[in-house]
Amino acid sequence: MAGRSGSAQLRIEPVLSTRDLERFIRLPNRLYRGEPGYVPPLLMERRAALRFDKNPYFRHAKGQYWLAWRDGRPVGRISAQIDELHLAQHKDATGHFGFLDAEDDPEVYRALTATAEDWLRAQGMRRILGPFSHSTNEECGLLVDGFSARPMMMMGFHPPYAAERIVEQGYSKAKDLIAYDYDMTVPPPRETTRLLRRAAANKRIKLRTVDMARYRDDLSVILDIFNDAWSENWGFVPFTEAEIAHIATSLRPLVRPELVWIAEVDGTPAAMIVCLPNLLEVVADLDGKLLPFGWLKLLWRLKFGKIETCRVPLFGVRRRLHRSPLGSTLVMLLLEALRERVAANGFRGGELSWILEDNMPMRRIIESFGGQPYKTYRIYEKPL
């Protein structure tokens, strides 16, 4: 597909070669290097995520990447994707955009977004929503608050100017996603502690950590709870079996069993919480590269190094227990079990993310434990 040119100097070209995909992957490193909220991701991980033949997302989706070029160098990038699972779930003729990173130039943003819009419109989409890299089950939203906050794994970085540039192209807010900072070394307030003591007396509830001898089975349980718990949430797309297998393999080196919990009610799994060490602490000085000696550094640091922060990317209670006293009890017990183990393992604090801005029951519980909102990610939409 031919790109749309904003001027004689600016051109938009599809990413068709391995060399251009490498340029696409590395562009944010040039744009954001030195920003306090940015750490270069591992290039190997990004290559696997972006290749159509490697990421199981593309078994139910199609997409295209573009680079913006000026004076012989890339100055911006964007993706457009159509997810058949999203269309089946929401029936809204909506396509997505993502990986939008560019120099602070309205012309570049205009040309990139117009190209993605044209591609989606040509395939029958009537609305564009994003950014997603690639779906709600991966990196979501544009950072609009908390630019200098600590970098966190699987949570994107964008500079302050990006939101203004997107709005200039006719996009408006669809939804905000909230990231909570949580100092896990601090016990919850007295009133919350009293509630926890009463909750712990419930004999129907049993909490256990993930069993690494049954890792695949337990991960399937966790993601099954997630698919059920989030099934009526805004923007939800279920994990497929292929994606579950992919996640099981890619996350296993990071999983610490004491940080992954399942809650059972009457012997049946009913809720879960997954916490992972913040990988970006470990790779911050590798510049995204694992060769020639990065692998050794990474493995040593994961096994023996001191990691101070962690992130909770998955947290949920089965839908039948939503807005019930038992559901709230499970959330509180899981949070406290995790907090105690995190603190005992030397972590200073963590991030609970992301939480939908209007998920007030979950937000109130997190805040009752001392969680503080410290970053906001925004999803934008535009009719086509």
Protein backbone atom coordinates (compact mmCIF):
# COMPACT_ATOMS: atom_id res chain seq x y z
CA MET A 1 0.00 0.00 0.00
CA ALA A 2 1.37 3.40 -0.93
CA GLY A 3 1.82 5.83 1.91
CA ARG A 4 0.32 9.29 2.06
CA SER A 5 2.82 12.12 1.74
CA GLY A 6 2.37 15.17 3.94
CA SER A 7 4.90 17.21 1.95
CA ALA A 8 7.76 16.81 -0.52
CA GLN A 9 10.09 16.17 2.42
CA LEU A 10 7.84 13.83 4.43
CA ARG A 11 6.72 10.41 3.23
CA ILE A 12 4.95 7.52 4.89
CA GLU A 13 6.10 4.05 3.86
CA PRO A 14 4.81 0.62 4.92
CA VAL A 15 7.18 -1.63 6.82
CA LEU A 16 7.84 -4.49 4.41
CA SER A 17 11.37 -5.69 5.16
CA THR A 18 13.22 -7.04 8.18
CA ARG A 19 15.47 -3.99 7.99
CA ASP A 20 12.54 -1.59 8.16
CA LEU A 21 10.99 -3.57 11.05
CA GLU A 22 14.27 -3.10 12.92
CA ARG A 23 14.06 0.65 12.28
CA PHE A 24 10.43 0.60 13.48
CA ILE A 25 11.46 -1.16 16.70
CA ARG A 26 14.43 1.07 17.45
CA LEU A 27 12.84 4.46 16.72
CA PRO A 28 11.59 5.15 20.30
CA ASN A 29 15.12 4.62 21.61
CA ARG A 30 16.28 7.61 19.58
CA LEU A 31 13.23 9.74 20.37
CA TYR A 32 13.08 9.14 24.13
CA ARG A 33 16.61 8.30 25.18
CA GLY A 34 17.44 10.11 28.43
CA GLU A 35 13.82 10.66 29.47
CA PRO A 36 13.42 9.65 33.14
CA GLY A 37 10.30 7.60 32.44
CA TYR A 38 11.78 5.58 29.55
CA VAL A 39 13.87 2.42 29.42
CA PRO A 40 14.61 0.71 26.08
CA PRO A 41 12.74 -2.60 25.90
CA LEU A 42 14.55 -5.78 24.96
CA LEU A 43 14.93 -5.80 21.18
CA MET A 44 14.50 -9.57 21.02
CA GLU A 45 11.15 -9.36 22.83
CA ARG A 46 9.96 -6.53 20.57
CA ARG A 47 10.90 -8.46 17.43
CA ALA A 48 8.86 -11.46 18.57
CA ALA A 49 5.89 -9.26 19.49
CA LEU A 50 5.85 -7.39 16.17
CA ARG A 51 6.41 -10.23 13.74
CA PHE A 52 3.18 -11.47 12.19
CA ASP A 53 4.49 -15.05 12.18
CA LYS A 54 5.58 -15.04 15.85
CA ASN A 55 2.86 -13.27 17.84
CA PRO A 56 -0.26 -15.49 18.28
CA TYR A 57 -2.36 -12.32 18.27
CA PHE A 58 -2.09 -12.39 14.48
CA ARG A 59 -3.90 -15.71 14.30
CA HIS A 60 -7.08 -13.70 14.87
CA ALA A 61 -5.98 -10.29 13.64
CA LYS A 62 -4.30 -8.53 10.74
CA GLY A 63 -2.26 -5.37 10.71
CA GLN A 64 0.23 -3.08 9.03
CA TYR A 65 3.13 -0.94 10.27
CA TRP A 66 4.38 2.32 8.74
CA LEU A 67 7.39 4.58 9.16
CA ALA A 68 7.44 8.31 8.52
CA TRP A 69 10.59 9.40 6.66
CA ARG A 70 12.17 12.81 6.27
CA ASP A 71 15.62 13.62 4.92
CA GLY A 72 16.54 9.97 4.74
CA ARG A 73 15.72 9.02 8.35
CA PRO A 74 12.65 7.75 10.19
CA VAL A 75 10.87 10.43 12.25
CA GLY A 76 7.71 8.56 13.29
CA ARG A 77 5.88 5.26 13.29
CA ILE A 78 2.35 3.84 13.64
CA SER A 79 0.44 0.59 13.31
CA ALA A 80 -3.14 -0.22 12.35
CA GLN A 81 -4.76 -3.53 13.20
CA ILE A 82 -8.12 -5.25 12.96
CA ASP A 83 -8.87 -7.86 15.62
CA GLU A 84 -11.56 -10.37 14.69
CA LEU A 85 -12.05 -11.30 18.36
CA HIS A 86 -12.72 -7.65 19.21
CA LEU A 87 -15.24 -7.38 16.38
CA ALA A 88 -16.97 -10.58 17.48
CA GLN A 89 -17.09 -9.42 21.11
CA HIS A 90 -18.15 -5.80 20.60
CA LYS A 91 -19.73 -5.70 17.11
CA ASP A 92 -18.66 -2.07 16.69
CA ALA A 93 -16.76 -1.99 13.35
CA THR A 94 -13.76 -0.61 15.21
CA GLY A 95 -10.14 -0.90 14.14
CA HIS A 96 -7.17 -0.08 16.32
CA PHE A 97 -3.98 1.93 16.03
CA GLY A 98 -0.83 1.62 18.09
CA PHE A 99 2.93 2.07 18.31
CA LEU A 100 2.45 5.79 17.66
CA ASP A 101 5.77 7.48 18.36
CA ALA A 102 7.10 10.52 16.52
CA GLU A 103 9.08 13.69 16.71
CA ASP A 104 7.16 16.71 17.98
CA ASP A 105 5.81 17.72 14.58
CA PRO A 106 2.08 18.10 13.81
CA GLU A 107 2.70 17.25 10.15
CA VAL A 108 4.21 13.90 11.06
CA TYR A 109 1.32 13.01 13.37
CA ARG A 110 -1.20 14.13 10.75
CA ALA A 111 0.37 11.98 8.03
CA LEU A 112 0.76 8.91 10.27
CA THR A 113 -2.78 8.93 11.68
CA ALA A 114 -4.29 9.65 8.25
CA THR A 115 -2.47 6.65 6.80
CA ALA A 116 -3.72 4.32 9.55
CA GLU A 117 -7.25 5.73 9.20
CA ASP A 118 -7.25 5.21 5.41
CA TRP A 119 -6.11 1.58 5.82
CA LEU A 120 -8.86 0.82 8.34
CA ARG A 121 -11.53 2.69 6.39
CA ALA A 122 -10.69 0.73 3.23
CA GLN A 123 -11.47 -2.47 5.13
CA GLY A 124 -14.87 -1.37 6.33
CA MET A 125 -14.05 0.00 9.78
CA ARG A 126 -16.15 2.95 10.97
CA ARG A 127 -14.17 3.92 14.08
CA ILE A 128 -10.51 3.96 15.11
CA LEU A 129 -9.50 3.36 18.74
CA GLY A 130 -6.10 3.34 20.42
CA PRO A 131 -3.27 3.26 21.02
CA PHE A 132 -3.02 -0.47 21.60
CA SER A 133 0.19 -2.40 21.07
CA HIS A 134 -1.52 -4.55 19.84
CA SER A 135 -4.63 -5.18 21.96
CA THR A 136 -6.07 -4.59 25.40
CA ASN A 137 -4.11 -7.66 26.52
CA GLU A 138 -0.79 -5.98 25.71
CA GLU A 139 0.36 -2.35 26.15
CA CYS A 140 -2.57 0.05 26.23
CA GLY A 141 -3.08 3.79 26.11
CA LEU A 142 -1.06 6.95 25.71
CA LEU A 143 0.69 8.26 28.81
CA VAL A 144 -0.91 11.62 29.69
CA ASP A 145 0.18 12.01 33.32
CA GLY A 146 3.19 10.81 35.30
CA PHE A 147 5.88 11.27 32.65
CA SER A 148 8.80 11.14 35.09
CA ALA A 149 7.45 8.25 37.19
CA ARG A 150 9.52 5.07 37.32
CA PRO A 151 9.42 2.97 34.15
CA MET A 152 7.40 -0.21 34.53
CA MET A 153 7.38 -3.37 32.44
CA MET A 154 4.64 -3.70 29.82
CA MET A 155 3.56 -0.09 30.39
CA GLY A 156 4.44 2.35 27.64
CA PHE A 157 6.11 5.74 27.71
CA HIS A 158 5.09 8.79 25.68
CA PRO A 159 6.28 12.39 25.90
CA PRO A 160 3.96 15.22 27.04
CA TYR A 161 3.52 16.60 23.51
CA ALA A 162 2.03 13.38 22.12
CA ALA A 163 -1.46 13.89 23.57
CA GLU A 164 -1.73 17.38 22.07
CA ARG A 165 -0.60 16.13 18.67
CA ILE A 166 -3.23 13.35 18.69
CA VAL A 167 -6.07 15.66 19.72
CA GLU A 168 -5.11 18.01 16.87
CA GLN A 169 -6.01 15.21 14.46
CA GLY A 170 -9.61 15.05 15.69
CA TYR A 171 -9.26 12.35 18.33
CA SER A 172 -11.11 12.51 21.66
CA LYS A 173 -10.90 10.59 24.91
CA ALA A 174 -12.62 7.21 24.99
CA LYS A 175 -11.36 5.94 28.36
CA ASP A 176 -8.63 6.55 30.93
CA LEU A 177 -6.61 3.75 32.52
CA ILE A 178 -5.13 4.34 35.97
CA ALA A 179 -1.83 2.99 37.31
CA TYR A 180 -1.50 2.84 41.10
CA ASP A 181 1.70 3.22 43.08
CA TYR A 182 1.59 0.91 46.09
CA ASP A 183 4.17 0.90 48.87
CA MET A 184 3.95 -2.73 49.90
CA THR A 185 6.18 -2.27 52.94
CA VAL A 186 3.39 -0.35 54.70
CA PRO A 187 0.60 -2.37 56.35
CA PRO A 188 -2.95 -1.32 55.46
CA PRO A 189 -4.82 1.14 57.70
CA ARG A 190 -6.36 -0.09 60.94
CA GLU A 191 -9.93 -0.28 59.59
CA THR A 192 -8.78 -2.35 56.59
CA THR A 193 -6.79 -4.62 58.94
CA ARG A 194 -9.94 -5.27 61.00
CA LEU A 195 -11.82 -6.24 57.83
CA LEU A 196 -8.97 -8.57 56.84
CA ARG A 197 -9.06 -10.36 60.20
CA ARG A 198 -12.77 -11.05 59.74
CA ALA A 199 -12.24 -12.15 56.13
CA ALA A 200 -9.46 -14.56 57.11
CA ALA A 201 -11.91 -16.40 59.38
CA ASN A 202 -14.04 -17.47 56.40
CA LYS A 203 -13.49 -21.23 56.19
CA ARG A 204 -14.84 -21.43 52.63
CA ILE A 205 -11.81 -19.52 51.33
CA LYS A 206 -8.37 -20.99 50.71
CA LEU A 207 -5.43 -19.04 49.28
CA ARG A 208 -2.49 -20.75 47.62
CA THR A 209 0.50 -19.75 45.51
CA VAL A 210 1.08 -21.02 42.00
CA ASP A 211 2.51 -24.56 41.87
CA MET A 212 5.53 -24.47 39.53
CA ALA A 213 5.29 -28.26 39.13
CA ARG A 214 1.87 -27.60 37.57
CA TYR A 215 2.80 -24.26 36.05
CA ARG A 216 0.95 -24.61 32.75
CA ASP A 217 -2.20 -25.88 34.46
CA ASP A 218 -2.19 -23.11 37.05
CA LEU A 219 -1.56 -20.45 34.40
CA SER A 220 -4.54 -21.78 32.45
CA VAL A 221 -6.64 -21.45 35.63
CA ILE A 222 -5.42 -17.87 36.13
CA LEU A 223 -6.21 -16.81 32.57
CA ASP A 224 -9.55 -18.60 32.63
CA ILE A 225 -10.47 -16.52 35.70
CA PHE A 226 -9.25 -13.42 33.86
CA ASN A 227 -11.35 -14.19 30.77
CA ASP A 228 -14.42 -14.65 32.94
CA ALA A 229 -13.75 -11.74 35.30
CA TRP A 230 -13.13 -9.21 32.52
CA SER A 231 -15.67 -10.51 30.00
CA GLU A 232 -18.07 -7.59 30.48
CA ASN A 233 -15.41 -4.91 30.87
CA TRP A 234 -14.83 -2.11 28.41
CA GLY A 235 -12.57 -3.17 25.54
CA PHE A 236 -12.24 -6.79 26.69
CA VAL A 237 -10.77 -9.37 24.31
CA PRO A 238 -10.24 -12.94 25.61
CA PHE A 239 -6.89 -14.69 25.70
CA THR A 240 -6.83 -17.59 23.23
CA GLU A 241 -5.26 -20.98 23.93
CA ALA A 242 -2.33 -20.08 21.66
CA GLU A 243 -1.81 -16.83 23.56
CA ILE A 244 -1.95 -18.63 26.90
CA ALA A 245 0.78 -21.03 25.71
CA HIS A 246 2.86 -18.09 24.46
CA ILE A 247 2.49 -16.22 27.76
CA ALA A 248 3.38 -19.37 29.72
CA THR A 249 6.68 -19.68 27.88
CA SER A 250 7.64 -15.99 27.78
CA LEU A 251 6.81 -15.15 31.40
CA ARG A 252 8.15 -18.28 33.13
CA PRO A 253 11.66 -16.81 33.75
CA LEU A 254 10.01 -13.91 35.60
CA VAL A 255 7.51 -15.84 37.68
CA ARG A 256 8.21 -16.11 41.39
CA PRO A 257 5.66 -18.51 42.86
CA GLU A 258 5.34 -16.54 46.11
CA LEU A 259 4.06 -13.55 44.08
CA VAL A 260 1.31 -15.37 42.17
CA TRP A 261 -1.82 -16.32 44.13
CA ILE A 262 -5.07 -18.17 43.48
CA ALA A 263 -8.08 -17.94 45.80
CA GLU A 264 -10.44 -20.88 46.00
CA VAL A 265 -13.98 -20.85 47.33
CA ASP A 266 -15.33 -24.24 48.39
CA GLY A 267 -12.40 -25.82 46.52
CA THR A 268 -13.04 -24.01 43.21
CA PRO A 269 -10.67 -21.32 41.85
CA ALA A 270 -12.52 -18.01 42.09
CA ALA A 271 -9.93 -15.20 42.02
CA MET A 272 -6.27 -14.59 41.25
CA ILE A 273 -3.50 -12.03 41.41
CA VAL A 274 -0.26 -12.08 39.42
CA CYS A 275 2.74 -9.94 40.38
CA LEU A 276 5.98 -9.88 38.37
CA PRO A 277 9.36 -8.34 39.16
CA ASN A 278 9.87 -5.13 37.19
CA LEU A 279 12.03 -6.37 34.32
CA LEU A 280 12.93 -2.80 33.30
CA GLU A 281 15.06 -2.47 36.44
CA VAL A 282 17.13 -5.41 35.23
CA VAL A 283 17.59 -4.30 31.61
CA ALA A 284 17.91 -0.53 32.08
CA ASP A 285 21.62 -0.47 31.19
CA LEU A 286 21.49 -3.04 28.36
CA ASP A 287 20.09 -0.60 25.75
CA GLY A 288 17.73 -3.35 24.65
CA LYS A 289 20.57 -5.67 23.62
CA LEU A 290 21.30 -9.15 24.95
CA LEU A 291 24.43 -9.80 22.89
CA PRO A 292 27.27 -10.41 23.47
CA PHE A 293 26.99 -10.53 27.29
CA GLY A 294 23.49 -9.25 28.02
CA TRP A 295 22.05 -12.75 28.46
CA LEU A 296 24.50 -13.49 31.28
CA LYS A 297 23.70 -10.18 33.00
CA LEU A 298 19.97 -10.73 32.63
CA LEU A 299 19.97 -14.27 34.00
CA TRP A 300 22.27 -13.37 36.91
CA ARG A 301 20.19 -10.34 37.85
CA LEU A 302 16.92 -12.24 37.67
CA LYS A 303 18.30 -14.96 39.95
CA PHE A 304 20.56 -13.04 42.33
CA GLY A 305 20.10 -9.33 41.74
CA LYS A 306 18.11 -6.99 43.92
CA ILE A 307 14.92 -5.82 42.22
CA GLU A 308 13.05 -3.20 44.21
CA THR A 309 9.79 -2.86 42.28
CA CYS A 310 7.17 -5.13 40.80
CA ARG A 311 3.94 -4.89 38.84
CA VAL A 312 0.53 -6.53 39.14
CA PRO A 313 -0.64 -6.96 35.52
CA LEU A 314 -3.44 -9.48 36.23
CA PHE A 315 -5.99 -9.33 39.03
CA GLY A 316 -9.55 -10.56 38.90
CA VAL A 317 -12.53 -12.23 40.53
CA ARG A 318 -15.01 -14.43 38.71
CA ARG A 319 -17.92 -12.49 37.28
CA ARG A 320 -20.55 -14.23 39.44
CA LEU A 321 -18.88 -12.71 42.51
CA HIS A 322 -18.63 -9.15 41.20
CA ARG A 323 -20.11 -6.52 43.52
CA SER A 324 -20.68 -9.13 46.23
CA PRO A 325 -19.29 -9.17 49.78
CA LEU A 326 -17.49 -12.45 49.00
CA GLY A 327 -15.90 -10.96 45.88
CA SER A 328 -14.64 -7.95 47.84
CA THR A 329 -13.31 -10.29 50.52
CA LEU A 330 -11.29 -12.24 47.95
CA VAL A 331 -9.78 -9.07 46.52
CA MET A 332 -8.71 -7.87 49.97
CA LEU A 333 -7.25 -11.22 51.03
CA LEU A 334 -5.25 -11.57 47.81
CA LEU A 335 -3.89 -8.04 48.08
CA GLU A 336 -2.76 -8.57 51.64
CA ALA A 337 -1.26 -12.02 50.96
CA LEU A 338 0.70 -10.52 48.08
CA ARG A 339 1.75 -7.45 50.10
CA GLU A 340 3.17 -9.60 52.88
CA ARG A 341 5.17 -11.79 50.50
CA VAL A 342 6.39 -8.85 48.41
CA ALA A 343 7.64 -7.04 51.49
CA ALA A 344 9.26 -10.22 52.86
CA ASN A 345 11.14 -10.70 49.57
CA GLY A 346 12.75 -7.28 49.68
CA PHE A 347 10.61 -5.37 47.21
CA ARG A 348 10.09 -1.74 48.11
CA GLY A 349 6.88 -1.20 46.23
CA GLY A 350 4.94 -1.90 43.12
CA GLU A 351 2.42 -0.83 40.56
CA LEU A 352 -1.12 -2.09 40.16
CA SER A 353 -2.07 -1.44 36.57
CA TRP A 354 -4.06 -0.82 34.72
CA ILE A 355 -7.46 -0.10 36.31
CA LEU A 356 -10.35 1.34 34.31
CA GLU A 357 -11.14 4.84 35.53
CA ASP A 358 -14.78 3.90 36.22
CA ASN A 359 -14.04 0.61 38.01
CA MET A 360 -14.78 2.26 41.32
CA PRO A 361 -15.21 -0.91 43.44
CA MET A 362 -11.66 -2.03 42.62
CA ARG A 363 -10.26 1.49 42.90
CA ARG A 364 -11.77 1.96 46.36
CA ILE A 365 -10.28 -1.29 47.63
CA ILE A 366 -6.82 -0.44 46.26
CA GLU A 367 -6.99 3.01 47.82
CA SER A 368 -8.11 1.52 51.14
CA PHE A 369 -4.79 -0.35 51.15
CA GLY A 370 -2.86 2.86 50.54
CA GLY A 371 -2.52 2.72 46.75
CA GLN A 372 -2.06 6.11 45.08
CA PRO A 373 -2.90 6.88 41.43
CA TYR A 374 0.31 8.14 39.84
CA LYS A 375 0.07 7.57 36.10
CA THR A 376 -2.78 7.91 33.62
CA TYR A 377 -2.99 6.30 30.19
CA ARG A 378 -5.62 7.50 27.72
CA ILE A 379 -7.39 5.62 24.96
CA TYR A 380 -8.52 7.84 22.08
CA GLU A 381 -11.23 7.37 19.46
CA LYS A 382 -12.30 8.96 16.20
CA PRO A 383 -15.10 8.19 13.73
CA LEU A 384 -13.96 7.18 10.26
